[in-house]
PDB file of N, CA and C in Angstrom:
ATOM      1  N   MET A   1      -8.637   1.331  -7.044  1.00  0.00           N
ATOM      2  CA  MET A   1      -8.258   1.495  -5.492  1.00  0.00           C
ATOM      3  C   MET A   1      -8.067   2.970  -5.372  1.00  0.00           C
ATOM      4  N   THR A   2      -8.653   3.570  -4.324  1.00  0.00           N
ATOM      5  CA  THR A   2      -8.451   5.039  -4.014  1.00  0.00           C
ATOM      6  C   THR A   2      -7.441   5.164  -2.974  1.00  0.00           C
ATOM      7  N   THR A   3      -6.775   6.440  -3.106  1.00  0.00           N
ATOM      8  CA  THR A   3      -5.691   6.641  -2.322  1.00  0.00           C
ATOM      9  C   THR A   3      -6.144   6.622  -0.739  1.00  0.00           C
ATOM     10  N   GLU A   4      -7.322   6.449  -0.438  1.00  0.00           N
ATOM     11  CA  GLU A   4      -7.626   6.298   1.055  1.00  0.00           C
ATOM     12  C   GLU A   4      -7.362   4.801   1.483  1.00  0.00           C
ATOM     13  N   GLN A   5      -7.280   4.121   0.562  1.00  0.00           N
ATOM     14  CA  GLN A   5      -7.041   2.593   1.026  1.00  0.00           C
ATOM     15  C   GLN A   5      -5.459   2.377   0.726  1.00  0.00           C
ATOM     16  N   LEU A   6      -4.586   3.312   0.614  1.00  0.00           N
ATOM     17  CA  LEU A   6      -3.403   3.160   0.360  1.00  0.00           C
ATOM     18  C   LEU A   6      -2.612   4.119   1.316  1.00  0.00           C
ATOM     19  N   THR A   7      -1.274   3.628   1.734  1.00  0.00           N
ATOM     20  CA  THR A   7      -0.399   4.506   2.464  1.00  0.00           C
ATOM     21  C   THR A   7       0.755   4.568   1.676  1.00  0.00           C
ATOM     22  N   PRO A   8       1.194   6.125   2.006  1.00  0.00           N
ATOM     23  CA  PRO A   8       2.440   6.268   1.003  1.00  0.00           C
ATOM     24  C   PRO A   8       3.733   5.531   1.733  1.00  0.00           C
ATOM     25  N   VAL A   9       4.544   5.168   0.936  1.00  0.00           N
ATOM     26  CA  VAL A   9       5.822   4.462   1.359  1.00  0.00           C
ATOM     27  C   VAL A   9       6.589   5.345   2.317  1.00  0.00           C
ATOM     28  N   ASN A  10       6.595   6.370   1.826  1.00  0.00           N
ATOM     29  CA  ASN A  10       7.607   7.424   2.540  1.00  0.00           C
ATOM     30  C   ASN A  10       7.018   7.562   3.760  1.00  0.00           C
ATOM     31  N   ASP A  11       5.679   7.705   4.117  1.00  0.00           N
ATOM     32  CA  ASP A  11       5.150   7.915   5.380  1.00  0.00           C
ATOM     33  C   ASP A  11       5.291   6.728   6.105  1.00  0.00           C
ATOM     34  N   PHE A  12       5.060   5.513   5.762  1.00  0.00           N
ATOM     35  CA  PHE A  12       5.231   4.250   6.340  1.00  0.00           C
ATOM     36  C   PHE A  12       6.817   4.336   6.927  1.00  0.00           C
ATOM     37  N   CYS A  13       7.695   4.509   6.000  1.00  0.00           N
ATOM     38  CA  CYS A  13       9.202   4.494   6.471  1.00  0.00           C
ATOM     39  C   CYS A  13       9.547   5.514   7.471  1.00  0.00           C
ATOM     40  N   THR A  14       8.874   6.551   7.332  1.00  0.00           N
ATOM     41  CA  THR A  14       9.266   7.744   8.427  1.00  0.00           C
ATOM     42  C   THR A  14       8.631   7.265   9.899  1.00  0.00           C
ATOM     43  N   TYR A  15       7.279   6.706   9.791  1.00  0.00           N
ATOM     44  CA  TYR A  15       6.771   6.619  10.990  1.00  0.00           C
ATOM     45  C   TYR A  15       7.505   5.288  11.645  1.00  0.00           C
ATOM     46  N   HIS A  16       7.833   4.321  10.786  1.00  0.00           N
ATOM     47  CA  HIS A  16       8.579   3.025  11.487  1.00  0.00           C
ATOM     48  C   HIS A  16      10.162   3.159  11.585  1.00  0.00           C
ATOM     49  N   ARG A  17      10.804   4.243  10.949  1.00  0.00           N
ATOM     50  CA  ARG A  17      11.979   4.560  11.063  1.00  0.00           C
ATOM     51  C   ARG A  17      12.919   3.511  10.503  1.00  0.00           C
ATOM     52  N   ILE A  18      12.555   3.155   9.351  1.00  0.00           N
ATOM     53  CA  ILE A  18      13.311   2.441   8.558  1.00  0.00           C
ATOM     54  C   ILE A  18      13.605   2.844   7.110  1.00  0.00           C
ATOM     55  N   GLU A  19      14.579   2.228   6.288  1.00  0.00           N
ATOM     56  CA  GLU A  19      14.906   2.801   5.066  1.00  0.00           C
ATOM     57  C   GLU A  19      14.143   2.424   4.100  1.00  0.00           C
ATOM     58  N   TYR A  20      13.907   3.175   2.963  1.00  0.00           N
ATOM     59  CA  TYR A  20      12.939   2.931   1.960  1.00  0.00           C
ATOM     60  C   TYR A  20      13.386   1.433   1.056  1.00  0.00           C
ATOM     61  N   THR A  21      14.575   1.341   1.251  1.00  0.00           N
ATOM     62  CA  THR A  21      15.154   0.016   0.533  1.00  0.00           C
ATOM     63  C   THR A  21      14.669  -1.193   1.198  1.00  0.00           C
ATOM     64  N   VAL A  22      14.341  -1.161   2.479  1.00  0.00           N
ATOM     65  CA  VAL A  22      13.790  -2.469   3.061  1.00  0.00           C
ATOM     66  C   VAL A  22      12.314  -2.641   2.509  1.00  0.00           C
ATOM     67  N   ILE A  23      11.583  -1.597   2.212  1.00  0.00           N
ATOM     68  CA  ILE A  23      10.466  -1.905   1.450  1.00  0.00           C
ATOM     69  C   ILE A  23      10.619  -2.517   0.227  1.00  0.00           C
ATOM     70  N   THR A  24      11.417  -1.908  -0.700  1.00  0.00           N
ATOM     71  CA  THR A  24      11.777  -2.240  -1.997  1.00  0.00           C
ATOM     72  C   THR A  24      12.037  -3.805  -2.006  1.00  0.00           C
ATOM     73  N   THR A  25      12.960  -4.008  -0.911  1.00  0.00           N
ATOM     74  CA  THR A  25      13.597  -5.458  -1.118  1.00  0.00           C
ATOM     75  C   THR A  25      12.587  -6.349  -0.730  1.00  0.00           C
ATOM     76  N   PHE A  26      11.690  -6.109   0.257  1.00  0.00           N
ATOM     77  CA  PHE A  26      10.554  -7.204   0.280  1.00  0.00           C
ATOM     78  C   PHE A  26       9.554  -7.142  -0.988  1.00  0.00           C
ATOM     79  N   HIS A  27       9.416  -6.054  -1.612  1.00  0.00           N
ATOM     80  CA  HIS A  27       8.651  -6.049  -2.829  1.00  0.00           C
ATOM     81  C   HIS A  27       9.295  -6.880  -3.989  1.00  0.00           C
ATOM     82  N   ASP A  28      10.555  -6.614  -4.013  1.00  0.00           N
ATOM     83  CA  ASP A  28      11.384  -7.426  -4.983  1.00  0.00           C
ATOM     84  C   ASP A  28      11.209  -8.886  -4.800  1.00  0.00           C
ATOM     85  N   ALA A  29      11.266  -9.226  -3.616  1.00  0.00           N
ATOM     86  CA  ALA A  29      11.241 -10.721  -3.233  1.00  0.00           C
ATOM     87  C   ALA A  29      10.056 -11.330  -3.128  1.00  0.00           C
ATOM     88  N   GLY A  30       8.899 -10.423  -3.722  1.00  0.00           N
ATOM     89  CA  GLY A  30       7.547 -10.878  -3.903  1.00  0.00           C
ATOM     90  C   GLY A  30       6.616 -11.050  -2.625  1.00  0.00           C
ATOM     91  N   LEU A  31       7.036 -10.377  -1.519  1.00  0.00           N
ATOM     92  CA  LEU A  31       6.628 -10.540  -0.094  1.00  0.00           C
ATOM     93  C   LEU A  31       5.579  -9.510   0.039  1.00  0.00           C
ATOM     94  N   LEU A  32       5.473  -8.434  -0.827  1.00  0.00           N
ATOM     95  CA  LEU A  32       4.833  -7.145  -0.531  1.00  0.00           C
ATOM     96  C   LEU A  32       4.311  -6.669  -2.172  1.00  0.00           C
ATOM     97  N   GLU A  33       2.927  -6.156  -1.937  1.00  0.00           N
ATOM     98  CA  GLU A  33       2.185  -5.511  -3.106  1.00  0.00           C
ATOM     99  C   GLU A  33       2.567  -4.189  -2.861  1.00  0.00           C
ATOM    100  N   LEU A  34       2.951  -3.342  -3.960  1.00  0.00           N
ATOM    101  CA  LEU A  34       2.999  -2.142  -3.869  1.00  0.00           C
ATOM    102  C   LEU A  34       2.433  -1.410  -5.113  1.00  0.00           C
ATOM    103  N   ASN A  35       1.770  -0.170  -5.078  1.00  0.00           N
ATOM    104  CA  ASN A  35       0.794   0.431  -6.110  1.00  0.00           C
ATOM    105  C   ASN A  35       1.511   1.888  -6.356  1.00  0.00           C
ATOM    106  N   THR A  36       1.928   2.025  -7.597  1.00  0.00           N
ATOM    107  CA  THR A  36       2.644   3.282  -7.839  1.00  0.00           C
ATOM    108  C   THR A  36       1.592   4.274  -8.685  1.00  0.00           C
ATOM    109  N   ILE A  37       1.355   5.353  -8.222  1.00  0.00           N
ATOM    110  CA  ILE A  37       0.422   6.362  -8.782  1.00  0.00           C
ATOM    111  C   ILE A  37       1.253   7.627  -8.772  1.00  0.00           C
ATOM    112  N   ASP A  38       1.201   8.075 -10.039  1.00  0.00           N
ATOM    113  CA  ASP A  38       2.167   9.363 -10.204  1.00  0.00           C
ATOM    114  C   ASP A  38       3.502   9.255  -9.707  1.00  0.00           C
ATOM    115  N   GLN A  39       4.294   8.346  -9.779  1.00  0.00           N
ATOM    116  CA  GLN A  39       5.554   8.149  -9.477  1.00  0.00           C
ATOM    117  C   GLN A  39       5.722   7.974  -7.969  1.00  0.00           C
ATOM    118  N   VAL A  40       4.633   7.679  -7.384  1.00  0.00           N
ATOM    119  CA  VAL A  40       4.782   7.900  -5.711  1.00  0.00           C
ATOM    120  C   VAL A  40       4.270   6.310  -5.553  1.00  0.00           C
ATOM    121  N   SER A  41       4.987   5.472  -4.667  1.00  0.00           N
ATOM    122  CA  SER A  41       4.859   4.274  -4.321  1.00  0.00           C
ATOM    123  C   SER A  41       3.713   4.170  -3.099  1.00  0.00           C
ATOM    124  N   TYR A  42       2.599   3.418  -3.045  1.00  0.00           N
ATOM    125  CA  TYR A  42       1.633   3.148  -2.003  1.00  0.00           C
ATOM    126  C   TYR A  42       1.833   1.782  -1.624  1.00  0.00           C
ATOM    127  N   ILE A  43       1.268   1.552  -0.357  1.00  0.00           N
ATOM    128  CA  ILE A  43       1.036   0.335   0.094  1.00  0.00           C
ATOM    129  C   ILE A  43      -0.362   0.056   0.500  1.00  0.00           C
ATOM    130  N   PRO A  44      -1.111  -1.096   0.024  1.00  0.00           N
ATOM    131  CA  PRO A  44      -2.463  -1.172   0.321  1.00  0.00           C
ATOM    132  C   PRO A  44      -2.555  -1.439   1.686  1.00  0.00           C
ATOM    133  N   VAL A  45      -3.646  -0.690   2.211  1.00  0.00           N
ATOM    134  CA  VAL A  45      -3.958  -1.023   3.544  1.00  0.00           C
ATOM    135  C   VAL A  45      -4.030  -2.280   4.043  1.00  0.00           C
ATOM    136  N   TYR A  46      -4.583  -3.494   3.318  1.00  0.00           N
ATOM    137  CA  TYR A  46      -4.787  -4.826   3.757  1.00  0.00           C
ATOM    138  C   TYR A  46      -3.415  -5.303   4.022  1.00  0.00           C
ATOM    139  N   GLU A  47      -2.181  -4.802   3.425  1.00  0.00           N
ATOM    140  CA  GLU A  47      -0.871  -5.486   3.598  1.00  0.00           C
ATOM    141  C   GLU A  47      -0.187  -4.896   4.775  1.00  0.00           C
ATOM    142  N   LEU A  48      -0.677  -3.647   5.351  1.00  0.00           N
ATOM    143  CA  LEU A  48      -0.013  -3.281   6.538  1.00  0.00           C
ATOM    144  C   LEU A  48       0.364  -3.999   7.903  1.00  0.00           C
ATOM    145  N   PRO A  49      -0.635  -4.784   8.174  1.00  0.00           N
ATOM    146  CA  PRO A  49      -0.280  -5.777   9.305  1.00  0.00           C
ATOM    147  C   PRO A  49       0.695  -6.764   9.063  1.00  0.00           C
ATOM    148  N   ARG A  50       0.921  -7.219   7.740  1.00  0.00           N
ATOM    149  CA  ARG A  50       1.665  -8.374   7.431  1.00  0.00           C
ATOM    150  C   ARG A  50       3.143  -7.629   7.137  1.00  0.00           C
ATOM    151  N   LEU A  51       3.173  -6.351   6.739  1.00  0.00           N
ATOM    152  CA  LEU A  51       4.395  -5.732   6.500  1.00  0.00           C
ATOM    153  C   LEU A  51       4.921  -5.390   7.673  1.00  0.00           C
ATOM    154  N   GLU A  52       4.193  -4.893   8.788  1.00  0.00           N
ATOM    155  CA  GLU A  52       4.539  -4.479  10.057  1.00  0.00           C
ATOM    156  C   GLU A  52       5.223  -5.875  10.683  1.00  0.00           C
ATOM    157  N   ARG A  53       4.614  -7.005  10.651  1.00  0.00           N
ATOM    158  CA  ARG A  53       5.256  -8.167  11.142  1.00  0.00           C
ATOM    159  C   ARG A  53       6.413  -8.463  10.472  1.00  0.00           C
ATOM    160  N   MET A  54       6.694  -8.320   9.168  1.00  0.00           N
ATOM    161  CA  MET A  54       7.966  -8.528   8.491  1.00  0.00           C
ATOM    162  C   MET A  54       8.910  -7.441   9.094  1.00  0.00           C
ATOM    163  N   ILE A  55       8.672  -6.238   9.206  1.00  0.00           N
ATOM    164  CA  ILE A  55       9.367  -5.364   9.710  1.00  0.00           C
ATOM    165  C   ILE A  55      10.019  -5.624  10.974  1.00  0.00           C
ATOM    166  N   ARG A  56       9.266  -6.232  11.782  1.00  0.00           N
ATOM    167  CA  ARG A  56       9.602  -6.507  13.271  1.00  0.00           C
ATOM    168  C   ARG A  56      10.590  -7.676  13.237  1.00  0.00           C
ATOM    169  N   LEU A  57      10.399  -8.677  12.289  1.00  0.00           N
ATOM    170  CA  LEU A  57      11.295  -9.839  12.229  1.00  0.00           C
ATOM    171  C   LEU A  57      12.434  -9.214  11.508  1.00  0.00           C
ATOM    172  N   HIS A  58      12.531  -8.343  10.623  1.00  0.00           N
ATOM    173  CA  HIS A  58      13.855  -7.756   9.980  1.00  0.00           C
ATOM    174  C   HIS A  58      14.632  -7.002  10.934  1.00  0.00           C
ATOM    175  N   THR A  59      14.029  -5.997  11.653  1.00  0.00           N
ATOM    176  CA  THR A  59      14.616  -5.068  12.433  1.00  0.00           C
ATOM    177  C   THR A  59      14.908  -5.490  13.910  1.00  0.00           C
ATOM    178  N   ASP A  60      13.806  -6.021  14.563  1.00  0.00           N
ATOM    179  CA  ASP A  60      14.134  -6.254  16.002  1.00  0.00           C
ATOM    180  C   ASP A  60      14.782  -7.632  16.209  1.00  0.00           C
ATOM    181  N   LEU A  61      14.688  -8.596  15.278  1.00  0.00           N
ATOM    182  CA  LEU A  61      15.232 -10.059  15.410  1.00  0.00           C
ATOM    183  C   LEU A  61      16.550 -10.103  14.310  1.00  0.00           C
ATOM    184  N   GLY A  62      16.790  -9.268  13.469  1.00  0.00           N
ATOM    185  CA  GLY A  62      17.867  -9.265  12.448  1.00  0.00           C
ATOM    186  C   GLY A  62      17.850 -10.325  11.396  1.00  0.00           C
ATOM    187  N   ILE A  63      16.414 -10.598  11.195  1.00  0.00           N
ATOM    188  CA  ILE A  63      16.359 -11.771  10.150  1.00  0.00           C
ATOM    189  C   ILE A  63      16.530 -11.178   8.857  1.00  0.00           C
ATOM    190  N   ASN A  64      17.207 -11.949   8.002  1.00  0.00           N
ATOM    191  CA  ASN A  64      17.390 -11.412   6.743  1.00  0.00           C
ATOM    192  C   ASN A  64      16.126 -11.602   5.629  1.00  0.00           C
ATOM    193  N   THR A  65      16.084 -11.089   4.623  1.00  0.00           N
ATOM    194  CA  THR A  65      14.835 -11.124   3.774  1.00  0.00           C
ATOM    195  C   THR A  65      14.411 -12.686   3.376  1.00  0.00           C
ATOM    196  N   GLU A  66      15.515 -13.297   3.094  1.00  0.00           N
ATOM    197  CA  GLU A  66      15.217 -14.805   2.848  1.00  0.00           C
ATOM    198  C   GLU A  66      14.513 -15.662   4.102  1.00  0.00           C
ATOM    199  N   GLY A  67      15.059 -15.253   5.220  1.00  0.00           N
ATOM    200  CA  GLY A  67      14.390 -15.737   6.535  1.00  0.00           C
ATOM    201  C   GLY A  67      13.067 -15.296   6.810  1.00  0.00           C
ATOM    202  N   VAL A  68      12.982 -13.961   6.548  1.00  0.00           N
ATOM    203  CA  VAL A  68      11.610 -13.224   6.455  1.00  0.00           C
ATOM    204  C   VAL A  68      10.530 -13.911   5.521  1.00  0.00           C
ATOM    205  N   GLU A  69      11.026 -14.350   4.447  1.00  0.00           N
ATOM    206  CA  GLU A  69      10.364 -14.896   3.353  1.00  0.00           C
ATOM    207  C   GLU A  69       9.849 -16.233   3.845  1.00  0.00           C
ATOM    208  N   ALA A  70      10.746 -17.056   4.321  1.00  0.00           N
ATOM    209  CA  ALA A  70      10.458 -18.445   4.973  1.00  0.00           C
ATOM    210  C   ALA A  70       9.444 -18.389   6.167  1.00  0.00           C
ATOM    211  N   ILE A  71       9.640 -17.518   7.022  1.00  0.00           N
ATOM    212  CA  ILE A  71       8.923 -17.470   8.298  1.00  0.00           C
ATOM    213  C   ILE A  71       7.515 -16.846   7.816  1.00  0.00           C
ATOM    214  N   THR A  72       7.427 -15.960   6.787  1.00  0.00           N
ATOM    215  CA  THR A  72       6.015 -15.634   6.399  1.00  0.00           C
ATOM    216  C   THR A  72       5.274 -16.622   5.583  1.00  0.00           C
ATOM    217  N   HIS A  73       5.843 -17.374   4.749  1.00  0.00           N
ATOM    218  CA  HIS A  73       5.303 -18.458   4.329  1.00  0.00           C
ATOM    219  C   HIS A  73       4.839 -19.358   5.132  1.00  0.00           C
ATOM    220  N   LEU A  74       5.482 -19.728   6.325  1.00  0.00           N
ATOM    221  CA  LEU A  74       5.035 -20.577   7.225  1.00  0.00           C
ATOM    222  C   LEU A  74       3.979 -20.369   8.062  1.00  0.00           C
ATOM    223  N   LEU A  75       3.823 -18.948   8.423  1.00  0.00           N
ATOM    224  CA  LEU A  75       2.949 -18.370   9.210  1.00  0.00           C
ATOM    225  C   LEU A  75       1.635 -18.351   8.398  1.00  0.00           C
ATOM    226  N   GLU A  76       1.699 -18.165   7.201  1.00  0.00           N
ATOM    227  CA  GLU A  76       0.555 -18.221   6.194  1.00  0.00           C
ATOM    228  C   GLU A  76      -0.130 -19.838   6.034  1.00  0.00           C
ATOM    229  N   ARG A  77       0.992 -20.710   5.940  1.00  0.00           N
ATOM    230  CA  ARG A  77       0.352 -22.001   5.981  1.00  0.00           C
ATOM    231  C   ARG A  77      -0.134 -22.417   7.348  1.00  0.00           C
ATOM    232  N   ILE A  78       0.298 -21.920   8.336  1.00  0.00           N
ATOM    233  CA  ILE A  78      -0.379 -22.196   9.730  1.00  0.00           C
ATOM    234  C   ILE A  78      -1.734 -21.705   9.822  1.00  0.00           C
ATOM    235  N   ASP A  79      -1.939 -20.286   9.329  1.00  0.00           N
ATOM    236  CA  ASP A  79      -3.234 -19.696   9.344  1.00  0.00           C
ATOM    237  C   ASP A  79      -4.284 -20.569   8.566  1.00  0.00           C
ATOM    238  N   ILE A  80      -3.723 -20.874   7.266  1.00  0.00           N
ATOM    239  CA  ILE A  80      -4.514 -21.826   6.476  1.00  0.00           C
ATOM    240  C   ILE A  80      -5.052 -23.112   7.000  1.00  0.00           C
ATOM    241  N   MET A  81      -4.022 -23.717   7.881  1.00  0.00           N
ATOM    242  CA  MET A  81      -4.341 -24.967   8.548  1.00  0.00           C
ATOM    243  C   MET A  81      -5.341 -24.862   9.740  1.00  0.00           C
ATOM    244  N   GLN A  82      -5.008 -23.728  10.472  1.00  0.00           N
ATOM    245  CA  GLN A  82      -6.056 -23.449  11.437  1.00  0.00           C
ATOM    246  C   GLN A  82      -7.460 -23.066  10.986  1.00  0.00           C
ATOM    247  N   GLN A  83      -7.419 -22.576   9.790  1.00  0.00           N
ATOM    248  CA  GLN A  83      -8.804 -22.246   9.358  1.00  0.00           C
ATOM    249  C   GLN A  83      -9.517 -23.672   8.943  1.00  0.00           C
ATOM    250  N   GLU A  84      -8.639 -24.569   8.356  1.00  0.00           N
ATOM    251  CA  GLU A  84      -9.177 -25.835   7.927  1.00  0.00           C
ATOM    252  C   GLU A  84      -9.683 -26.549   9.263  1.00  0.00           C
ATOM    253  N   MET A  85      -8.900 -26.683  10.378  1.00  0.00           N
ATOM    254  CA  MET A  85      -9.210 -27.268  11.480  1.00  0.00           C
ATOM    255  C   MET A  85     -10.515 -26.779  12.155  1.00  0.00           C
ATOM    256  N   GLN A  86     -10.647 -25.641  11.956  1.00  0.00           N
ATOM    257  CA  GLN A  86     -11.927 -24.736  12.625  1.00  0.00           C
ATOM    258  C   GLN A  86     -13.084 -25.390  11.653  1.00  0.00           C
ATOM    259  N   LEU A  87     -13.012 -25.337  10.289  1.00  0.00           N
ATOM    260  CA  LEU A  87     -14.025 -25.894   9.599  1.00  0.00           C
ATOM    261  C   LEU A  87     -14.238 -27.229   9.909  1.00  0.00           C
ATOM    262  N   LEU A  88     -13.380 -28.023  10.228  1.00  0.00           N
ATOM    263  CA  LEU A  88     -13.591 -29.627  10.373  1.00  0.00           C
ATOM    264  C   LEU A  88     -14.232 -29.710  11.872  1.00  0.00           C
ATOM    265  N   LYS A  89     -13.913 -28.836  12.645  1.00  0.00           N
ATOM    266  CA  LYS A  89     -14.526 -28.994  13.925  1.00  0.00           C
ATOM    267  C   LYS A  89     -15.868 -28.751  13.940  1.00  0.00           C
ATOM    268  N   ASN A  90     -16.167 -27.721  13.045  1.00  0.00           N
ATOM    269  CA  ASN A  90     -17.566 -27.197  13.006  1.00  0.00           C
ATOM    270  C   ASN A  90     -18.373 -28.480  12.306  1.00  0.00           C
ATOM    271  N   ARG A  91     -17.871 -29.086  11.456  1.00  0.00           N
ATOM    272  CA  ARG A  91     -18.446 -30.218  10.606  1.00  0.00           C
ATOM    273  C   ARG A  91     -18.855 -31.228  11.739  1.00  0.00           C
ATOM    274  N   LEU A  92     -17.774 -31.532  12.523  1.00  0.00           N
ATOM    275  CA  LEU A  92     -17.954 -32.652  13.508  1.00  0.00           C
ATOM    276  C   LEU A  92     -18.945 -32.420  14.433  1.00  0.00           C
ATOM    277  N   LYS A  93     -19.143 -30.996  14.938  1.00  0.00           N
ATOM    278  CA  LYS A  93     -20.087 -30.518  15.749  1.00  0.00           C
ATOM    279  C   LYS A  93     -21.649 -31.101  15.293  1.00  0.00           C
ATOM    280  N   SER A  94     -21.850 -30.725  13.993  1.00  0.00           N
ATOM    281  CA  SER A  94     -23.125 -31.282  13.230  1.00  0.00           C
ATOM    282  C   SER A  94     -23.312 -32.536  13.309  1.00  0.00           C
ATOM    283  N   TYR A  95     -22.456 -33.673  13.628  1.00  0.00           N
ATOM    284  CA  TYR A  95     -22.735 -34.853  13.640  1.00  0.00           C
ATOM    285  C   TYR A  95     -23.087 -35.427  15.083  1.00  0.00           C
ATOM    286  N   GLU A  96     -22.787 -34.425  16.033  1.00  0.00           N
ATOM    287  CA  GLU A  96     -22.918 -34.919  17.311  1.00  0.00           C
ATOM    288  C   GLU A  96     -24.381 -34.765  17.938  1.00  0.00           C
TER     289      GLU A  96
END
């Protein structure tokens, strides 16, 4: 993965005005993937929307890490179920 596809954690924290420890807490809980290159931590670009959602839950709503973990898990399950429903709808249309 090239550094063009990565965002430095320090830049993300500065932009969103959050502490570095929030990111490391999410990483330690298994909610976030971080890449380290030359002792600098980076966030993969594909993780940014998910991380921004977690940051909003944590800072705006005051939800702790365990709550963010539960909500994230449930939202992922909802997305999977919606994809499955769309697939089933498409299958049904072929029988009509």
